[in-house]
């Protein structure tokens, strides 16, 4: 877990992947870290800040998939291409799945 910041939700490093659709449709991108509020991912193509994206998050250890909407909160082009995505309108089922997975990866 990351510490020393004022985030609303703690972030966890994990092994999970996301497919997302915004301006681009990109498959199997590694999630760097995730929380109940959003995630950071490395990507080959950056979306614009504010872009709404459809997300399909895959958790290999759980053989589980969560579909969510998100919004690009920030982009970083150097030294690696990264984006922060905040989750929007998480349903009860998806929230429960995400909570369950984060309990699993919590140190």
N, C-alpha and C. Protein backbone atom coordinates (compact mmCIF):
# COMPACT_ATOMS: atom_id res chain seq x y z
N UNK A 1 0.85 -1.18 0.00
CA UNK A 1 0.00 0.00 0.00
C UNK A 1 0.88 1.23 0.00
N UNK A 2 0.51 2.21 -0.75
CA UNK A 2 1.22 3.48 -0.78
C UNK A 2 0.78 4.30 0.43
N UNK A 3 1.69 5.10 0.97
CA UNK A 3 1.31 5.96 2.09
C UNK A 3 1.97 7.32 1.91
N UNK A 4 1.68 8.22 2.85
CA UNK A 4 2.29 9.54 2.81
C UNK A 4 1.58 10.50 1.88
N UNK A 5 0.32 10.22 1.52
CA UNK A 5 -0.42 11.17 0.71
C UNK A 5 -1.83 11.30 1.26
N UNK A 6 -2.61 12.17 0.69
CA UNK A 6 -3.94 12.44 1.22
C UNK A 6 -5.03 11.84 0.34
N UNK A 7 -4.78 10.71 -0.23
CA UNK A 7 -5.78 10.06 -1.08
C UNK A 7 -7.00 9.64 -0.25
N UNK A 8 -8.14 9.66 -0.86
CA UNK A 8 -9.37 9.22 -0.21
C UNK A 8 -9.35 7.71 -0.01
N UNK A 9 -8.80 6.97 -0.99
CA UNK A 9 -8.74 5.51 -0.94
C UNK A 9 -7.29 5.06 -1.05
N UNK A 10 -6.88 4.11 -0.21
CA UNK A 10 -5.51 3.59 -0.35
C UNK A 10 -5.34 2.85 -1.67
N UNK A 11 -4.15 2.94 -2.25
CA UNK A 11 -3.84 2.26 -3.50
C UNK A 11 -3.02 1.02 -3.24
N UNK A 12 -3.26 0.01 -4.06
CA UNK A 12 -2.58 -1.27 -3.92
C UNK A 12 -1.93 -1.66 -5.24
N UNK A 13 -0.69 -2.14 -5.16
CA UNK A 13 -0.04 -2.68 -6.34
C UNK A 13 -0.53 -4.11 -6.50
N UNK A 14 -0.72 -4.56 -7.73
CA UNK A 14 -1.28 -5.86 -7.97
C UNK A 14 -0.95 -6.35 -9.36
N UNK A 15 -1.37 -7.57 -9.63
CA UNK A 15 -1.24 -8.09 -10.99
C UNK A 15 -2.64 -8.18 -11.57
N UNK A 16 -2.97 -7.21 -12.39
CA UNK A 16 -4.28 -7.18 -13.04
C UNK A 16 -4.12 -6.42 -14.36
N UNK A 17 -5.08 -6.60 -15.24
CA UNK A 17 -5.00 -6.01 -16.57
C UNK A 17 -6.33 -5.36 -16.92
N UNK A 18 -6.26 -4.40 -17.82
CA UNK A 18 -7.47 -3.70 -18.22
C UNK A 18 -7.52 -3.56 -19.74
N UNK A 19 -8.70 -3.73 -20.28
CA UNK A 19 -9.00 -3.36 -21.67
C UNK A 19 -9.80 -2.08 -21.54
N UNK A 20 -9.53 -1.09 -22.38
CA UNK A 20 -10.33 0.13 -22.27
C UNK A 20 -10.65 0.70 -23.64
N UNK A 21 -11.79 1.36 -23.68
CA UNK A 21 -12.25 2.04 -24.88
C UNK A 21 -12.50 3.48 -24.54
N UNK A 22 -11.82 4.36 -25.23
CA UNK A 22 -12.02 5.80 -25.15
C UNK A 22 -12.01 6.26 -26.59
N UNK A 23 -11.04 7.11 -26.95
CA UNK A 23 -10.81 7.42 -28.37
C UNK A 23 -10.19 6.21 -29.04
N UNK A 24 -9.39 5.47 -28.26
CA UNK A 24 -8.71 4.26 -28.73
C UNK A 24 -9.36 3.05 -28.09
N UNK A 25 -9.14 1.87 -28.68
CA UNK A 25 -9.55 0.61 -28.09
C UNK A 25 -8.28 -0.17 -27.84
N UNK A 26 -7.92 -0.34 -26.58
CA UNK A 26 -6.65 -0.99 -26.24
C UNK A 26 -6.88 -2.18 -25.33
N UNK A 27 -6.15 -3.25 -25.61
CA UNK A 27 -6.33 -4.50 -24.90
C UNK A 27 -5.16 -4.81 -23.98
N UNK A 28 -5.45 -5.46 -22.89
CA UNK A 28 -4.47 -6.10 -22.02
C UNK A 28 -3.36 -5.17 -21.53
N UNK A 29 -3.73 -4.04 -20.98
CA UNK A 29 -2.75 -3.11 -20.40
C UNK A 29 -2.61 -3.39 -18.91
N UNK A 30 -1.37 -3.36 -18.44
CA UNK A 30 -1.09 -3.65 -17.04
C UNK A 30 -1.52 -2.49 -16.15
N UNK A 31 -2.23 -2.83 -15.08
CA UNK A 31 -2.61 -1.83 -14.08
C UNK A 31 -1.44 -1.71 -13.12
N UNK A 32 -0.98 -0.50 -12.90
CA UNK A 32 0.16 -0.30 -11.98
C UNK A 32 -0.31 -0.36 -10.54
N UNK A 33 -1.38 0.37 -10.22
CA UNK A 33 -1.99 0.28 -8.90
C UNK A 33 -3.46 0.64 -9.01
N UNK A 34 -4.21 0.26 -7.97
CA UNK A 34 -5.66 0.42 -8.01
C UNK A 34 -6.18 0.71 -6.61
N UNK A 35 -7.32 1.39 -6.54
CA UNK A 35 -8.01 1.64 -5.28
C UNK A 35 -9.51 1.56 -5.56
N UNK A 36 -10.31 1.79 -4.54
CA UNK A 36 -11.75 1.81 -4.75
C UNK A 36 -12.17 3.01 -5.60
N UNK A 37 -11.31 4.01 -5.71
CA UNK A 37 -11.67 5.22 -6.44
C UNK A 37 -11.12 5.31 -7.85
N UNK A 38 -10.10 4.49 -8.17
CA UNK A 38 -9.52 4.59 -9.50
C UNK A 38 -8.27 3.74 -9.64
N UNK A 39 -7.54 3.98 -10.73
CA UNK A 39 -6.34 3.19 -10.99
C UNK A 39 -5.35 3.99 -11.81
N UNK A 40 -4.12 3.51 -11.82
CA UNK A 40 -3.06 4.08 -12.65
C UNK A 40 -2.59 2.96 -13.56
N UNK A 41 -2.43 3.29 -14.84
CA UNK A 41 -1.96 2.27 -15.76
C UNK A 41 -0.93 2.81 -16.72
N UNK A 42 -0.08 1.92 -17.16
CA UNK A 42 0.89 2.25 -18.20
C UNK A 42 0.23 1.87 -19.52
N UNK A 43 0.49 2.69 -20.54
CA UNK A 43 -0.18 2.47 -21.81
C UNK A 43 0.71 2.89 -22.97
N UNK A 44 0.36 2.45 -24.14
CA UNK A 44 1.09 2.88 -25.33
C UNK A 44 0.45 4.11 -25.95
N UNK A 45 -0.84 4.32 -25.67
CA UNK A 45 -1.59 5.46 -26.21
C UNK A 45 -2.29 6.19 -25.08
N UNK A 46 -2.07 7.49 -24.99
CA UNK A 46 -2.70 8.29 -23.94
C UNK A 46 -4.03 8.87 -24.42
N UNK A 47 -5.00 8.89 -23.51
CA UNK A 47 -6.26 9.58 -23.75
C UNK A 47 -6.11 11.00 -23.21
N UNK A 48 -7.04 11.86 -23.54
CA UNK A 48 -7.02 13.23 -23.02
C UNK A 48 -7.65 13.26 -21.63
N UNK A 49 -7.16 14.16 -20.78
CA UNK A 49 -7.75 14.36 -19.47
C UNK A 49 -9.23 14.68 -19.66
N UNK A 50 -10.09 14.05 -18.86
CA UNK A 50 -11.53 14.25 -18.97
C UNK A 50 -12.23 13.26 -19.87
N UNK A 51 -11.48 12.50 -20.67
CA UNK A 51 -12.07 11.50 -21.57
C UNK A 51 -12.76 10.41 -20.76
N UNK A 52 -14.01 10.09 -21.10
CA UNK A 52 -14.72 8.99 -20.47
C UNK A 52 -14.30 7.70 -21.17
N UNK A 53 -14.02 6.67 -20.36
CA UNK A 53 -13.55 5.40 -20.91
C UNK A 53 -14.37 4.25 -20.34
N UNK A 54 -14.56 3.21 -21.14
CA UNK A 54 -15.16 1.97 -20.70
C UNK A 54 -14.02 1.04 -20.32
N UNK A 55 -14.12 0.41 -19.15
CA UNK A 55 -13.05 -0.42 -18.63
C UNK A 55 -13.53 -1.85 -18.42
N UNK A 56 -12.68 -2.79 -18.76
CA UNK A 56 -12.90 -4.19 -18.41
C UNK A 56 -11.63 -4.63 -17.68
N UNK A 57 -11.75 -4.79 -16.37
CA UNK A 57 -10.60 -5.14 -15.53
C UNK A 57 -10.60 -6.64 -15.29
N UNK A 58 -9.46 -7.28 -15.56
CA UNK A 58 -9.30 -8.72 -15.36
C UNK A 58 -8.37 -8.98 -14.19
N UNK A 59 -8.82 -9.81 -13.26
CA UNK A 59 -8.02 -10.22 -12.11
C UNK A 59 -7.67 -11.70 -12.28
N UNK A 60 -6.48 -12.02 -12.80
CA UNK A 60 -6.11 -13.41 -13.08
C UNK A 60 -6.22 -14.35 -11.88
N UNK A 61 -5.83 -13.90 -10.66
CA UNK A 61 -5.87 -14.79 -9.49
C UNK A 61 -7.30 -15.16 -9.11
N UNK A 62 -8.27 -14.33 -9.44
CA UNK A 62 -9.66 -14.58 -9.08
C UNK A 62 -10.47 -15.13 -10.25
N UNK A 63 -9.88 -15.18 -11.44
CA UNK A 63 -10.61 -15.57 -12.63
C UNK A 63 -11.91 -14.75 -12.71
N UNK A 64 -11.74 -13.43 -12.54
CA UNK A 64 -12.87 -12.52 -12.44
C UNK A 64 -12.66 -11.30 -13.33
N UNK A 65 -13.76 -10.72 -13.78
CA UNK A 65 -13.74 -9.54 -14.64
C UNK A 65 -14.75 -8.53 -14.10
N UNK A 66 -14.36 -7.26 -14.10
CA UNK A 66 -15.27 -6.18 -13.68
C UNK A 66 -15.36 -5.18 -14.82
N UNK A 67 -16.59 -4.79 -15.18
CA UNK A 67 -16.80 -3.76 -16.21
C UNK A 67 -17.23 -2.48 -15.51
N UNK A 68 -16.51 -1.38 -15.82
CA UNK A 68 -16.76 -0.09 -15.18
C UNK A 68 -16.65 1.05 -16.19
N UNK A 69 -17.16 2.18 -15.80
CA UNK A 69 -16.91 3.44 -16.52
C UNK A 69 -15.87 4.21 -15.73
N UNK A 70 -15.04 4.96 -16.42
CA UNK A 70 -14.05 5.78 -15.76
C UNK A 70 -13.85 7.08 -16.51
N UNK A 71 -13.09 7.97 -15.89
CA UNK A 71 -12.73 9.23 -16.51
C UNK A 71 -11.24 9.46 -16.30
N UNK A 72 -10.56 9.86 -17.35
CA UNK A 72 -9.13 10.12 -17.25
C UNK A 72 -8.92 11.35 -16.37
N UNK A 73 -8.23 11.13 -15.23
CA UNK A 73 -8.01 12.21 -14.27
C UNK A 73 -6.71 12.95 -14.55
N UNK A 74 -5.70 12.22 -15.07
CA UNK A 74 -4.41 12.85 -15.39
C UNK A 74 -3.67 11.97 -16.39
N UNK A 75 -2.75 12.59 -17.11
CA UNK A 75 -1.89 11.87 -18.06
C UNK A 75 -0.44 12.31 -17.84
N UNK A 76 0.46 11.38 -18.08
CA UNK A 76 1.88 11.65 -17.94
C UNK A 76 2.58 11.00 -19.13
N UNK A 77 3.38 11.79 -19.84
CA UNK A 77 4.02 11.31 -21.06
C UNK A 77 5.49 10.98 -20.88
N UNK A 78 6.10 11.43 -19.77
CA UNK A 78 7.53 11.20 -19.56
C UNK A 78 7.82 10.70 -18.17
N UNK A 79 8.69 9.80 -17.92
CA UNK A 79 9.48 9.04 -18.89
C UNK A 79 8.67 7.92 -19.53
N UNK A 80 7.56 7.49 -18.86
CA UNK A 80 6.69 6.48 -19.45
C UNK A 80 5.30 7.07 -19.63
N UNK A 81 4.54 6.50 -20.54
CA UNK A 81 3.16 6.94 -20.73
C UNK A 81 2.29 6.28 -19.68
N UNK A 82 1.66 7.12 -18.84
CA UNK A 82 0.77 6.64 -17.78
C UNK A 82 -0.49 7.50 -17.73
N UNK A 83 -1.56 6.90 -17.21
CA UNK A 83 -2.80 7.63 -17.01
C UNK A 83 -3.39 7.26 -15.66
N UNK A 84 -4.01 8.23 -15.02
CA UNK A 84 -4.81 7.98 -13.82
C UNK A 84 -6.27 8.03 -14.24
N UNK A 85 -7.00 7.01 -13.86
CA UNK A 85 -8.42 6.93 -14.23
C UNK A 85 -9.24 6.82 -12.96
N UNK A 86 -10.21 7.72 -12.80
CA UNK A 86 -11.12 7.63 -11.65
C UNK A 86 -12.37 6.88 -12.10
N UNK A 87 -12.86 6.00 -11.21
CA UNK A 87 -14.05 5.20 -11.52
C UNK A 87 -15.29 6.07 -11.36
N UNK A 88 -16.27 5.84 -12.21
CA UNK A 88 -17.53 6.59 -12.19
C UNK A 88 -18.71 5.64 -12.06
N UNK A 89 -19.63 5.97 -11.17
CA UNK A 89 -20.89 5.23 -11.03
C UNK A 89 -20.69 3.72 -10.90
N UNK A 90 -19.92 3.31 -9.90
CA UNK A 90 -19.68 1.88 -9.69
C UNK A 90 -20.95 1.24 -9.14
N UNK A 91 -21.40 0.16 -9.78
CA UNK A 91 -22.57 -0.58 -9.32
C UNK A 91 -22.25 -1.39 -8.07
N UNK A 92 -23.28 -1.85 -7.39
CA UNK A 92 -23.10 -2.63 -6.15
C UNK A 92 -22.30 -3.91 -6.40
N UNK A 93 -22.62 -4.63 -7.45
CA UNK A 93 -21.92 -5.87 -7.78
C UNK A 93 -20.44 -5.63 -8.03
N UNK A 94 -20.15 -4.61 -8.83
CA UNK A 94 -18.77 -4.29 -9.18
C UNK A 94 -17.99 -3.81 -7.96
N UNK A 95 -18.65 -3.01 -7.12
CA UNK A 95 -18.01 -2.52 -5.90
C UNK A 95 -17.63 -3.70 -5.00
N UNK A 96 -18.55 -4.64 -4.85
CA UNK A 96 -18.29 -5.80 -4.00
C UNK A 96 -17.12 -6.63 -4.55
N UNK A 97 -17.09 -6.83 -5.87
CA UNK A 97 -15.99 -7.58 -6.49
C UNK A 97 -14.65 -6.87 -6.26
N UNK A 98 -14.63 -5.56 -6.44
CA UNK A 98 -13.40 -4.80 -6.26
C UNK A 98 -12.95 -4.83 -4.80
N UNK A 99 -13.89 -4.65 -3.87
CA UNK A 99 -13.56 -4.74 -2.45
C UNK A 99 -12.98 -6.10 -2.10
N UNK A 100 -13.58 -7.15 -2.63
CA UNK A 100 -13.13 -8.52 -2.37
C UNK A 100 -11.69 -8.70 -2.89
N UNK A 101 -11.44 -8.20 -4.08
CA UNK A 101 -10.10 -8.36 -4.63
C UNK A 101 -9.06 -7.55 -3.84
N UNK A 102 -9.40 -6.33 -3.46
CA UNK A 102 -8.45 -5.50 -2.71
C UNK A 102 -8.15 -6.10 -1.34
N UNK A 103 -9.14 -6.76 -0.72
CA UNK A 103 -8.87 -7.46 0.54
C UNK A 103 -7.86 -8.58 0.31
N UNK A 104 -7.95 -9.22 -0.84
CA UNK A 104 -7.05 -10.31 -1.19
C UNK A 104 -5.61 -9.83 -1.37
N UNK A 105 -5.41 -8.66 -1.95
CA UNK A 105 -4.05 -8.16 -2.23
C UNK A 105 -3.49 -7.28 -1.11
N UNK A 106 -4.32 -6.92 -0.14
CA UNK A 106 -3.88 -6.04 0.95
C UNK A 106 -2.76 -6.72 1.74
N UNK A 107 -1.64 -6.01 1.96
CA UNK A 107 -0.52 -6.62 2.69
C UNK A 107 -0.83 -6.86 4.16
